[in-house]
């Protein structure tokens, strides 16, 4: 029985992906903006989460689906760890945890938003892909 090697992926994934439509790009930008605004007005986080879940089924291009998944995973992971940090807020570790998660979430937002502006998928690394 011979082992098959995994398929080789091209270095530039944009060549094999369906490009974003203008509507998909606008919706993804709105979601990124809502998540970014949540650092100033917390309720926008939940609005971004709601739009992400509602619009996810309407994304037809591969690139839009990848970005929607990136956004949703980033938001849910950040929410989980903010809740855990909030429960430990009386301890110093809660404040530290919430600070680390906040920095990580900003990193994910910037990395994803920049990739969206370049019509590229977010590059995996430093956390959930």
C-alpha atoms as a PDB file:
ATOM      1  CA  UNK A   1       0.000   0.000   0.000  1.00  0.00           C
ATOM      2  CA  UNK A   2       1.577   3.280  -1.047  1.00  0.00           C
ATOM      3  CA  UNK A   3       1.239   6.461   0.930  1.00  0.00           C
ATOM      4  CA  UNK A   4      -0.073   9.481  -0.860  1.00  0.00           C
ATOM      5  CA  UNK A   5       1.526  12.792  -0.093  1.00  0.00           C
ATOM      6  CA  UNK A   6      -0.741  15.739   0.708  1.00  0.00           C
ATOM      7  CA  UNK A   7      -1.593  17.959  -2.257  1.00  0.00           C
ATOM      8  CA  UNK A   8       0.758  20.797  -3.054  1.00  0.00           C
ATOM      9  CA  UNK A   9      -0.839  24.188  -2.569  1.00  0.00           C
ATOM     10  CA  UNK A  10       0.202  27.093  -4.774  1.00  0.00           C
ATOM     11  CA  UNK A  11       2.133  29.862  -3.070  1.00  0.00           C
ATOM     12  CA  UNK A  12      -0.416  32.441  -4.228  1.00  0.00           C
ATOM     13  CA  UNK A  13      -3.823  31.161  -3.151  1.00  0.00           C
ATOM     14  CA  UNK A  14      -5.618  34.088  -4.785  1.00  0.00           C
ATOM     15  CA  UNK A  15      -5.209  32.385  -8.163  1.00  0.00           C
ATOM     16  CA  UNK A  16      -7.369  29.425  -7.157  1.00  0.00           C
ATOM     17  CA  UNK A  17      -9.977  31.284  -5.101  1.00  0.00           C
ATOM     18  CA  UNK A  18     -13.166  32.890  -6.258  1.00  0.00           C
ATOM     19  CA  UNK A  19     -12.682  36.672  -5.963  1.00  0.00           C
ATOM     20  CA  UNK A  20     -14.789  38.812  -3.637  1.00  0.00           C
ATOM     21  CA  UNK A  21     -17.798  40.651  -4.948  1.00  0.00           C
ATOM     22  CA  UNK A  22     -18.201  44.304  -3.967  1.00  0.00           C
ATOM     23  CA  UNK A  23     -21.086  43.385  -1.643  1.00  0.00           C
ATOM     24  CA  UNK A  24     -19.056  40.690   0.120  1.00  0.00           C
ATOM     25  CA  UNK A  25     -16.129  43.044   0.571  1.00  0.00           C
ATOM     26  CA  UNK A  26     -18.426  45.735   1.997  1.00  0.00           C
ATOM     27  CA  UNK A  27     -20.057  43.309   4.434  1.00  0.00           C
ATOM     28  CA  UNK A  28     -16.739  41.914   5.630  1.00  0.00           C
ATOM     29  CA  UNK A  29     -15.433  45.444   6.121  1.00  0.00           C
ATOM     30  CA  UNK A  30     -18.521  46.326   8.178  1.00  0.00           C
ATOM     31  CA  UNK A  31     -17.915  43.304  10.413  1.00  0.00           C
ATOM     32  CA  UNK A  32     -14.230  44.177  10.889  1.00  0.00           C
ATOM     33  CA  UNK A  33     -15.199  47.784  11.674  1.00  0.00           C
ATOM     34  CA  UNK A  34     -17.811  46.701  14.237  1.00  0.00           C
ATOM     35  CA  UNK A  35     -15.306  44.469  15.986  1.00  0.00           C
ATOM     36  CA  UNK A  36     -12.728  47.277  16.003  1.00  0.00           C
ATOM     37  CA  UNK A  37     -15.281  49.758  17.367  1.00  0.00           C
ATOM     38  CA  UNK A  38     -16.038  47.350  20.212  1.00  0.00           C
ATOM     39  CA  UNK A  39     -12.921  48.578  22.000  1.00  0.00           C
ATOM     40  CA  UNK A  40     -14.707  51.917  22.424  1.00  0.00           C
ATOM     41  CA  UNK A  41     -18.393  50.905  22.396  1.00  0.00           C
ATOM     42  CA  UNK A  42     -18.698  47.323  23.623  1.00  0.00           C
ATOM     43  CA  UNK A  43     -22.141  46.594  22.146  1.00  0.00           C
ATOM     44  CA  UNK A  44     -20.723  46.787  18.609  1.00  0.00           C
ATOM     45  CA  UNK A  45     -18.904  43.513  19.320  1.00  0.00           C
ATOM     46  CA  UNK A  46     -22.249  41.726  19.563  1.00  0.00           C
ATOM     47  CA  UNK A  47     -23.566  43.547  16.490  1.00  0.00           C
ATOM     48  CA  UNK A  48     -20.498  42.343  14.556  1.00  0.00           C
ATOM     49  CA  UNK A  49     -21.021  38.826  15.871  1.00  0.00           C
ATOM     50  CA  UNK A  50     -24.685  38.901  14.849  1.00  0.00           C
ATOM     51  CA  UNK A  51     -23.916  40.194  11.336  1.00  0.00           C
ATOM     52  CA  UNK A  52     -21.133  37.639  10.985  1.00  0.00           C
ATOM     53  CA  UNK A  53     -23.498  34.767  11.769  1.00  0.00           C
ATOM     54  CA  UNK A  54     -26.385  36.136   9.683  1.00  0.00           C
ATOM     55  CA  UNK A  55     -24.329  37.020   6.609  1.00  0.00           C
ATOM     56  CA  UNK A  56     -22.070  33.957   6.657  1.00  0.00           C
ATOM     57  CA  UNK A  57     -24.526  31.924   4.570  1.00  0.00           C
ATOM     58  CA  UNK A  58     -24.713  34.708   1.961  1.00  0.00           C
ATOM     59  CA  UNK A  59     -20.987  34.648   1.200  1.00  0.00           C
ATOM     60  CA  UNK A  60     -20.443  32.690  -2.001  1.00  0.00           C
ATOM     61  CA  UNK A  61     -16.781  33.274  -2.817  1.00  0.00           C
ATOM     62  CA  UNK A  62     -14.102  31.174  -1.189  1.00  0.00           C
ATOM     63  CA  UNK A  63     -12.242  34.242  -0.005  1.00  0.00           C
ATOM     64  CA  UNK A  64     -15.316  35.702   1.695  1.00  0.00           C
ATOM     65  CA  UNK A  65     -16.002  32.418   3.471  1.00  0.00           C
ATOM     66  CA  UNK A  66     -12.413  32.257   4.718  1.00  0.00           C
ATOM     67  CA  UNK A  67     -12.630  35.813   6.077  1.00  0.00           C
ATOM     68  CA  UNK A  68     -16.025  35.172   7.692  1.00  0.00           C
ATOM     69  CA  UNK A  69     -14.625  32.075   9.391  1.00  0.00           C
ATOM     70  CA  UNK A  70     -11.532  34.028  10.528  1.00  0.00           C
ATOM     71  CA  UNK A  71     -13.749  36.764  11.978  1.00  0.00           C
ATOM     72  CA  UNK A  72     -16.112  34.374  13.722  1.00  0.00           C
ATOM     73  CA  UNK A  73     -13.348  32.261  15.251  1.00  0.00           C
ATOM     74  CA  UNK A  74     -11.502  35.369  16.425  1.00  0.00           C
ATOM     75  CA  UNK A  75     -14.624  36.832  18.024  1.00  0.00           C
ATOM     76  CA  UNK A  76     -15.792  33.637  19.719  1.00  0.00           C
ATOM     77  CA  UNK A  77     -12.339  32.842  21.068  1.00  0.00           C
ATOM     78  CA  UNK A  78     -11.933  36.406  22.375  1.00  0.00           C
ATOM     79  CA  UNK A  79     -15.398  36.299  23.958  1.00  0.00           C
ATOM     80  CA  UNK A  80     -14.644  32.995  25.684  1.00  0.00           C
ATOM     81  CA  UNK A  81     -11.382  34.246  27.162  1.00  0.00           C
ATOM     82  CA  UNK A  82     -12.852  37.634  28.131  1.00  0.00           C
ATOM     83  CA  UNK A  83     -15.541  35.769  30.076  1.00  0.00           C
ATOM     84  CA  UNK A  84     -12.938  33.596  31.780  1.00  0.00           C
ATOM     85  CA  UNK A  85     -10.832  36.683  32.520  1.00  0.00           C
ATOM     86  CA  UNK A  86     -13.901  38.472  33.841  1.00  0.00           C
ATOM     87  CA  UNK A  87     -14.581  35.653  36.266  1.00  0.00           C
ATOM     88  CA  UNK A  88     -11.016  35.958  37.538  1.00  0.00           C
ATOM     89  CA  UNK A  89     -11.072  39.773  37.646  1.00  0.00           C
ATOM     90  CA  UNK A  90     -10.652  39.900  41.423  1.00  0.00           C
ATOM     91  CA  UNK A  91      -7.349  38.157  40.918  1.00  0.00           C
ATOM     92  CA  UNK A  92      -4.532  39.850  39.067  1.00  0.00           C
ATOM     93  CA  UNK A  93      -4.527  37.009  36.558  1.00  0.00           C
ATOM     94  CA  UNK A  94      -7.957  38.103  35.252  1.00  0.00           C
ATOM     95  CA  UNK A  95      -6.676  41.555  34.305  1.00  0.00           C
ATOM     96  CA  UNK A  96      -3.590  40.083  32.683  1.00  0.00           C
ATOM     97  CA  UNK A  97      -5.635  37.536  30.748  1.00  0.00           C
ATOM     98  CA  UNK A  98      -8.068  40.164  29.472  1.00  0.00           C
ATOM     99  CA  UNK A  99      -5.152  42.364  28.387  1.00  0.00           C
ATOM    100  CA  UNK A 100      -3.493  39.537  26.487  1.00  0.00           C
ATOM    101  CA  UNK A 101      -6.760  38.563  24.802  1.00  0.00           C
ATOM    102  CA  UNK A 102      -7.404  42.212  23.850  1.00  0.00           C
ATOM    103  CA  UNK A 103      -3.985  42.489  22.207  1.00  0.00           C
ATOM    104  CA  UNK A 104      -4.496  39.153  20.437  1.00  0.00           C
ATOM    105  CA  UNK A 105      -7.909  40.272  19.153  1.00  0.00           C
ATOM    106  CA  UNK A 106      -6.482  43.539  17.819  1.00  0.00           C
ATOM    107  CA  UNK A 107      -3.746  41.552  16.085  1.00  0.00           C
ATOM    108  CA  UNK A 108      -6.323  39.259  14.446  1.00  0.00           C
ATOM    109  CA  UNK A 109      -8.462  42.206  13.336  1.00  0.00           C
ATOM    110  CA  UNK A 110      -5.555  44.084  11.792  1.00  0.00           C
ATOM    111  CA  UNK A 111      -4.140  40.990  10.125  1.00  0.00           C
ATOM    112  CA  UNK A 112      -7.513  40.011   8.660  1.00  0.00           C
ATOM    113  CA  UNK A 113      -8.490  43.523   7.591  1.00  0.00           C
ATOM    114  CA  UNK A 114      -5.163  44.083   5.832  1.00  0.00           C
ATOM    115  CA  UNK A 115      -5.518  40.747   4.031  1.00  0.00           C
ATOM    116  CA  UNK A 116      -9.058  41.710   2.998  1.00  0.00           C
ATOM    117  CA  UNK A 117      -7.840  45.001   1.555  1.00  0.00           C
ATOM    118  CA  UNK A 118      -5.262  43.032  -0.485  1.00  0.00           C
ATOM    119  CA  UNK A 119      -7.935  40.519  -1.616  1.00  0.00           C
ATOM    120  CA  UNK A 120      -5.965  37.744   0.102  1.00  0.00           C
ATOM    121  CA  UNK A 121      -6.900  35.204   2.779  1.00  0.00           C
ATOM    122  CA  UNK A 122      -5.606  35.916   6.290  1.00  0.00           C
ATOM    123  CA  UNK A 123      -2.322  34.121   6.820  1.00  0.00           C
ATOM    124  CA  UNK A 124      -2.531  31.504   9.580  1.00  0.00           C
ATOM    125  CA  UNK A 125      -0.357  31.854  12.637  1.00  0.00           C
ATOM    126  CA  UNK A 126      -0.367  33.199  16.173  1.00  0.00           C
ATOM    127  CA  UNK A 127      -3.606  31.596  17.201  1.00  0.00           C
ATOM    128  CA  UNK A 128      -6.568  29.979  15.542  1.00  0.00           C
ATOM    129  CA  UNK A 129      -6.452  29.726  11.752  1.00  0.00           C
END
